[in-house]
Amino acid sequence: MRTGRADTVIKVAGVASVTDTDFEAEVIGAELPVLVEFTADWCPPCRQMGPVLGALAAEEGERLKVVQLDVDTNPLTTNAYRVLSMPTFMVFRGGEPVKSMVGARPKRRLLEELSEVL
């Protein structure tokens, strides 16, 4: 039986999907810093970020957890963090958002921006 938690986001190897239901456990309660991509299946720049996030998860997996949240199927979390544009990236550390970035970017730039919070 389906529960309405449709996973419409394109699956990326090494990048888990989180939902309104498990956001607190998977992101807020995580031991590692967590990079959350707020994304949507209709967003071309979001799809463009898939390979970048997959590579980042593979390379930085010991220091950083990388997840995606579909804004269309998870409005509670999306609204709680006032996400208006996709993709929006937020880094959570110790349960708190410590950095926010909007828009697609190459892996090199994303790593540079993440270096100050890792």
N, C-alpha and C. Protein backbone atom coordinates (compact mmCIF):
# COMPACT_ATOMS: atom_id res chain seq x y z
N MET A 1 0.83 -1.18 0.00
CA MET A 1 0.00 0.00 0.00
C MET A 1 0.88 1.24 0.00
N ARG A 2 0.59 2.19 -0.86
CA ARG A 2 1.36 3.44 -0.93
C ARG A 2 0.86 4.42 0.13
N THR A 3 1.78 5.20 0.64
CA THR A 3 1.43 6.12 1.71
C THR A 3 1.39 7.57 1.27
N GLY A 4 1.52 7.82 -0.03
CA GLY A 4 1.51 9.19 -0.50
C GLY A 4 2.87 9.85 -0.47
N ARG A 5 3.89 9.13 -0.03
CA ARG A 5 5.25 9.68 0.01
C ARG A 5 5.94 9.36 -1.30
N ALA A 6 5.43 9.86 -2.39
CA ALA A 6 5.98 9.56 -3.71
C ALA A 6 7.40 10.09 -3.82
N ASP A 7 8.30 9.23 -4.28
CA ASP A 7 9.67 9.65 -4.54
C ASP A 7 9.77 10.01 -6.00
N THR A 8 9.57 11.29 -6.30
CA THR A 8 9.63 11.72 -7.69
C THR A 8 11.00 12.26 -8.05
N VAL A 9 11.86 12.47 -7.05
CA VAL A 9 13.19 12.99 -7.30
C VAL A 9 14.03 11.91 -7.96
N ILE A 10 14.83 12.31 -8.93
CA ILE A 10 15.72 11.38 -9.61
C ILE A 10 16.72 10.82 -8.61
N LYS A 11 16.81 9.50 -8.55
CA LYS A 11 17.72 8.84 -7.61
C LYS A 11 19.17 9.08 -8.02
N VAL A 12 19.99 9.40 -7.05
CA VAL A 12 21.41 9.62 -7.26
C VAL A 12 22.15 8.65 -6.34
N ALA A 13 23.10 7.92 -6.89
CA ALA A 13 23.87 6.96 -6.09
C ALA A 13 24.55 7.66 -4.92
N GLY A 14 24.38 7.11 -3.73
CA GLY A 14 25.01 7.65 -2.54
C GLY A 14 24.28 8.82 -1.90
N VAL A 15 23.17 9.23 -2.51
CA VAL A 15 22.40 10.37 -1.99
C VAL A 15 21.01 9.86 -1.60
N ALA A 16 20.73 9.89 -0.31
CA ALA A 16 19.44 9.40 0.18
C ALA A 16 18.37 10.47 0.01
N SER A 17 17.13 10.04 -0.11
CA SER A 17 15.99 10.95 -0.09
C SER A 17 15.45 11.02 1.32
N VAL A 18 15.13 12.23 1.77
CA VAL A 18 14.52 12.42 3.08
C VAL A 18 13.14 13.05 2.87
N THR A 19 12.29 12.92 3.87
CA THR A 19 10.92 13.41 3.79
C THR A 19 10.58 14.23 5.04
N ASP A 20 9.40 14.84 5.02
CA ASP A 20 8.93 15.53 6.21
C ASP A 20 8.95 14.60 7.42
N THR A 21 8.60 13.34 7.17
CA THR A 21 8.49 12.35 8.25
C THR A 21 9.83 12.02 8.90
N ASP A 22 10.88 11.84 8.09
CA ASP A 22 12.15 11.40 8.67
C ASP A 22 13.24 12.49 8.70
N PHE A 23 12.88 13.74 8.36
CA PHE A 23 13.87 14.82 8.32
C PHE A 23 14.56 15.00 9.66
N GLU A 24 13.80 14.99 10.73
CA GLU A 24 14.40 15.20 12.05
C GLU A 24 15.41 14.11 12.38
N ALA A 25 15.05 12.85 12.14
CA ALA A 25 15.95 11.75 12.45
C ALA A 25 17.17 11.73 11.53
N GLU A 26 16.96 11.95 10.24
CA GLU A 26 18.03 11.82 9.25
C GLU A 26 18.94 13.05 9.14
N VAL A 27 18.39 14.23 9.41
CA VAL A 27 19.17 15.46 9.23
C VAL A 27 19.46 16.13 10.58
N ILE A 28 18.42 16.47 11.32
CA ILE A 28 18.60 17.18 12.59
C ILE A 28 19.39 16.32 13.57
N GLY A 29 19.11 15.03 13.60
CA GLY A 29 19.78 14.14 14.56
C GLY A 29 21.06 13.50 14.04
N ALA A 30 21.51 13.86 12.86
CA ALA A 30 22.70 13.23 12.28
C ALA A 30 23.97 13.64 13.03
N GLU A 31 24.91 12.71 13.12
CA GLU A 31 26.19 13.01 13.76
C GLU A 31 27.08 13.84 12.84
N LEU A 32 27.07 13.52 11.56
CA LEU A 32 27.87 14.26 10.58
C LEU A 32 27.12 15.53 10.15
N PRO A 33 27.85 16.52 9.64
CA PRO A 33 27.15 17.62 8.96
C PRO A 33 26.36 17.03 7.79
N VAL A 34 25.23 17.64 7.46
CA VAL A 34 24.37 17.14 6.38
C VAL A 34 24.14 18.24 5.36
N LEU A 35 24.38 17.91 4.08
CA LEU A 35 24.04 18.80 2.98
C LEU A 35 22.70 18.34 2.44
N VAL A 36 21.69 19.20 2.53
CA VAL A 36 20.36 18.90 2.02
C VAL A 36 20.15 19.68 0.73
N GLU A 37 19.79 18.96 -0.34
CA GLU A 37 19.37 19.65 -1.56
C GLU A 37 17.85 19.64 -1.57
N PHE A 38 17.26 20.83 -1.52
CA PHE A 38 15.82 20.97 -1.70
C PHE A 38 15.61 21.01 -3.21
N THR A 39 14.87 20.04 -3.73
CA THR A 39 14.83 19.80 -5.16
C THR A 39 13.42 19.48 -5.64
N ALA A 40 13.26 19.41 -6.94
CA ALA A 40 11.98 19.03 -7.55
C ALA A 40 12.27 18.36 -8.89
N ASP A 41 11.42 17.42 -9.27
CA ASP A 41 11.65 16.69 -10.52
C ASP A 41 11.48 17.58 -11.75
N TRP A 42 10.76 18.68 -11.64
CA TRP A 42 10.51 19.58 -12.76
C TRP A 42 11.59 20.65 -12.92
N CYS A 43 12.62 20.59 -12.10
CA CYS A 43 13.66 21.63 -12.03
C CYS A 43 14.92 21.18 -12.79
N PRO A 44 15.16 21.72 -14.01
CA PRO A 44 16.36 21.31 -14.77
C PRO A 44 17.68 21.54 -14.02
N PRO A 45 17.90 22.68 -13.35
CA PRO A 45 19.16 22.83 -12.61
C PRO A 45 19.32 21.79 -11.50
N CYS A 46 18.20 21.34 -10.93
CA CYS A 46 18.25 20.29 -9.89
C CYS A 46 18.76 18.99 -10.49
N ARG A 47 18.22 18.64 -11.66
CA ARG A 47 18.66 17.41 -12.33
C ARG A 47 20.14 17.51 -12.69
N GLN A 48 20.57 18.69 -13.07
CA GLN A 48 21.97 18.93 -13.42
C GLN A 48 22.89 18.67 -12.22
N MET A 49 22.39 18.88 -11.02
CA MET A 49 23.20 18.71 -9.81
C MET A 49 23.35 17.25 -9.39
N GLY A 50 22.56 16.34 -9.95
CA GLY A 50 22.62 14.93 -9.57
C GLY A 50 24.02 14.35 -9.60
N PRO A 51 24.73 14.42 -10.72
CA PRO A 51 26.09 13.86 -10.76
C PRO A 51 27.05 14.55 -9.79
N VAL A 52 26.87 15.86 -9.60
CA VAL A 52 27.72 16.60 -8.66
C VAL A 52 27.51 16.09 -7.25
N LEU A 53 26.24 15.92 -6.85
CA LEU A 53 25.94 15.43 -5.50
C LEU A 53 26.42 14.00 -5.31
N GLY A 54 26.26 13.16 -6.34
CA GLY A 54 26.73 11.79 -6.26
C GLY A 54 28.23 11.72 -6.05
N ALA A 55 28.98 12.54 -6.80
CA ALA A 55 30.44 12.59 -6.66
C ALA A 55 30.83 13.12 -5.28
N LEU A 56 30.12 14.15 -4.83
CA LEU A 56 30.40 14.73 -3.52
C LEU A 56 30.16 13.71 -2.41
N ALA A 57 29.06 12.97 -2.50
CA ALA A 57 28.75 11.94 -1.50
C ALA A 57 29.83 10.87 -1.49
N ALA A 58 30.31 10.48 -2.67
CA ALA A 58 31.34 9.44 -2.75
C ALA A 58 32.67 9.93 -2.17
N GLU A 59 33.02 11.17 -2.45
CA GLU A 59 34.32 11.70 -2.03
C GLU A 59 34.35 12.18 -0.58
N GLU A 60 33.25 12.70 -0.09
CA GLU A 60 33.22 13.32 1.24
C GLU A 60 32.35 12.55 2.24
N GLY A 61 31.98 11.31 1.90
CA GLY A 61 31.04 10.54 2.72
C GLY A 61 31.44 10.34 4.16
N GLU A 62 32.74 10.39 4.46
CA GLU A 62 33.18 10.23 5.84
C GLU A 62 33.03 11.50 6.65
N ARG A 63 32.94 12.65 5.95
CA ARG A 63 32.84 13.95 6.63
C ARG A 63 31.49 14.62 6.47
N LEU A 64 30.69 14.16 5.47
CA LEU A 64 29.47 14.86 5.12
C LEU A 64 28.42 13.87 4.61
N LYS A 65 27.22 14.00 5.13
CA LYS A 65 26.08 13.23 4.63
C LYS A 65 25.36 14.10 3.61
N VAL A 66 25.00 13.51 2.45
CA VAL A 66 24.34 14.26 1.38
C VAL A 66 22.95 13.65 1.15
N VAL A 67 21.91 14.48 1.23
CA VAL A 67 20.54 14.01 1.03
C VAL A 67 19.77 14.97 0.15
N GLN A 68 18.64 14.49 -0.38
CA GLN A 68 17.74 15.31 -1.19
C GLN A 68 16.36 15.30 -0.54
N LEU A 69 15.66 16.42 -0.66
CA LEU A 69 14.28 16.51 -0.19
C LEU A 69 13.44 17.08 -1.32
N ASP A 70 12.42 16.35 -1.73
CA ASP A 70 11.51 16.79 -2.80
C ASP A 70 10.55 17.83 -2.22
N VAL A 71 10.63 19.06 -2.72
CA VAL A 71 9.81 20.14 -2.17
C VAL A 71 8.32 19.94 -2.43
N ASP A 72 7.99 19.27 -3.52
CA ASP A 72 6.58 19.08 -3.87
C ASP A 72 5.87 18.10 -2.95
N THR A 73 6.57 17.10 -2.47
CA THR A 73 5.93 16.09 -1.63
C THR A 73 6.25 16.27 -0.15
N ASN A 74 7.04 17.31 0.17
CA ASN A 74 7.42 17.55 1.57
C ASN A 74 7.30 19.03 1.92
N PRO A 75 6.07 19.56 1.90
CA PRO A 75 5.88 21.00 2.11
C PRO A 75 6.18 21.47 3.53
N LEU A 76 6.05 20.63 4.52
CA LEU A 76 6.28 21.07 5.90
C LEU A 76 7.72 21.51 6.11
N THR A 77 8.66 20.67 5.70
CA THR A 77 10.08 21.00 5.85
C THR A 77 10.46 22.16 4.94
N THR A 78 9.97 22.12 3.71
CA THR A 78 10.26 23.19 2.75
C THR A 78 9.82 24.54 3.30
N ASN A 79 8.62 24.62 3.84
CA ASN A 79 8.11 25.88 4.40
C ASN A 79 8.81 26.26 5.69
N ALA A 80 9.15 25.27 6.52
CA ALA A 80 9.81 25.55 7.79
C ALA A 80 11.14 26.27 7.58
N TYR A 81 11.84 25.93 6.49
CA TYR A 81 13.13 26.55 6.22
C TYR A 81 13.04 27.63 5.14
N ARG A 82 11.82 28.02 4.81
CA ARG A 82 11.53 29.13 3.88
C ARG A 82 12.25 28.97 2.54
N VAL A 83 12.21 27.76 2.01
CA VAL A 83 12.84 27.49 0.72
C VAL A 83 11.89 27.94 -0.38
N LEU A 84 12.37 28.84 -1.23
CA LEU A 84 11.54 29.39 -2.30
C LEU A 84 12.07 29.07 -3.69
N SER A 85 13.35 28.80 -3.81
CA SER A 85 13.97 28.54 -5.11
C SER A 85 14.64 27.17 -5.11
N MET A 86 14.65 26.54 -6.29
CA MET A 86 15.31 25.25 -6.41
C MET A 86 16.41 25.33 -7.46
N PRO A 87 17.52 24.66 -7.23
CA PRO A 87 17.83 23.96 -5.99
C PRO A 87 18.32 24.93 -4.91
N THR A 88 17.94 24.64 -3.68
CA THR A 88 18.50 25.30 -2.51
C THR A 88 19.28 24.24 -1.75
N PHE A 89 20.48 24.59 -1.35
CA PHE A 89 21.31 23.69 -0.56
C PHE A 89 21.44 24.27 0.83
N MET A 90 21.22 23.45 1.84
CA MET A 90 21.43 23.87 3.23
C MET A 90 22.32 22.86 3.91
N VAL A 91 23.27 23.39 4.68
CA VAL A 91 24.13 22.54 5.49
C VAL A 91 23.64 22.63 6.92
N PHE A 92 23.39 21.46 7.51
CA PHE A 92 22.98 21.36 8.92
C PHE A 92 24.12 20.75 9.71
N ARG A 93 24.44 21.37 10.83
CA ARG A 93 25.46 20.82 11.72
C ARG A 93 24.95 20.96 13.14
N GLY A 94 24.97 19.87 13.88
CA GLY A 94 24.45 19.90 15.24
C GLY A 94 22.97 20.24 15.28
N GLY A 95 22.24 19.86 14.22
CA GLY A 95 20.80 20.07 14.18
C GLY A 95 20.37 21.45 13.71
N GLU A 96 21.33 22.32 13.42
CA GLU A 96 21.00 23.69 13.02
C GLU A 96 21.49 23.97 11.59
N PRO A 97 20.72 24.77 10.83
CA PRO A 97 21.22 25.18 9.51
C PRO A 97 22.36 26.18 9.70
N VAL A 98 23.51 25.90 9.10
CA VAL A 98 24.67 26.78 9.26
C VAL A 98 25.07 27.46 7.96
N LYS A 99 24.52 27.02 6.84
CA LYS A 99 24.83 27.65 5.55
C LYS A 99 23.71 27.35 4.58
N SER A 100 23.41 28.32 3.72
CA SER A 100 22.40 28.14 2.69
C SER A 100 22.93 28.69 1.38
N MET A 101 22.70 27.95 0.29
CA MET A 101 23.15 28.36 -1.04
C MET A 101 22.02 28.08 -2.02
N VAL A 102 21.81 28.98 -2.98
CA VAL A 102 20.74 28.81 -3.95
C VAL A 102 21.34 28.73 -5.35
N GLY A 103 20.87 27.75 -6.12
CA GLY A 103 21.28 27.63 -7.52
C GLY A 103 22.31 26.54 -7.75
N ALA A 104 22.28 26.03 -8.99
CA ALA A 104 23.24 25.00 -9.39
C ALA A 104 24.64 25.60 -9.44
N ARG A 105 25.63 24.75 -9.17
CA ARG A 105 27.02 25.18 -9.21
C ARG A 105 27.90 23.98 -9.50
N PRO A 106 29.08 24.21 -10.06
CA PRO A 106 29.99 23.09 -10.31
C PRO A 106 30.52 22.53 -8.98
N LYS A 107 30.98 21.30 -9.02
CA LYS A 107 31.45 20.62 -7.81
C LYS A 107 32.57 21.40 -7.13
N ARG A 108 33.50 21.93 -7.90
CA ARG A 108 34.63 22.67 -7.32
C ARG A 108 34.12 23.84 -6.46
N ARG A 109 33.17 24.59 -7.00
CA ARG A 109 32.63 25.74 -6.26
C ARG A 109 31.85 25.27 -5.03
N LEU A 110 31.08 24.20 -5.18
CA LEU A 110 30.32 23.67 -4.05
C LEU A 110 31.27 23.24 -2.93
N LEU A 111 32.37 22.57 -3.29
CA LEU A 111 33.36 22.15 -2.29
C LEU A 111 33.98 23.36 -1.59
N GLU A 112 34.28 24.40 -2.36
CA GLU A 112 34.85 25.62 -1.76
C GLU A 112 33.88 26.21 -0.74
N GLU A 113 32.60 26.27 -1.10
CA GLU A 113 31.60 26.85 -0.22
C GLU A 113 31.37 25.97 1.02
N LEU A 114 31.52 24.66 0.86
CA LEU A 114 31.32 23.75 1.98
C LEU A 114 32.53 23.72 2.91
N SER A 115 33.71 24.09 2.42
CA SER A 115 34.93 23.95 3.21
C SER A 115 34.85 24.74 4.52
N GLU A 116 34.15 25.85 4.52
CA GLU A 116 34.07 26.67 5.73
C GLU A 116 33.15 26.08 6.81
N VAL A 117 32.33 25.11 6.44
CA VAL A 117 31.42 24.54 7.44
C VAL A 117 31.71 23.06 7.75
N LEU A 118 32.69 22.49 7.06
CA LEU A 118 33.05 21.07 7.34
C LEU A 118 34.14 20.99 8.38
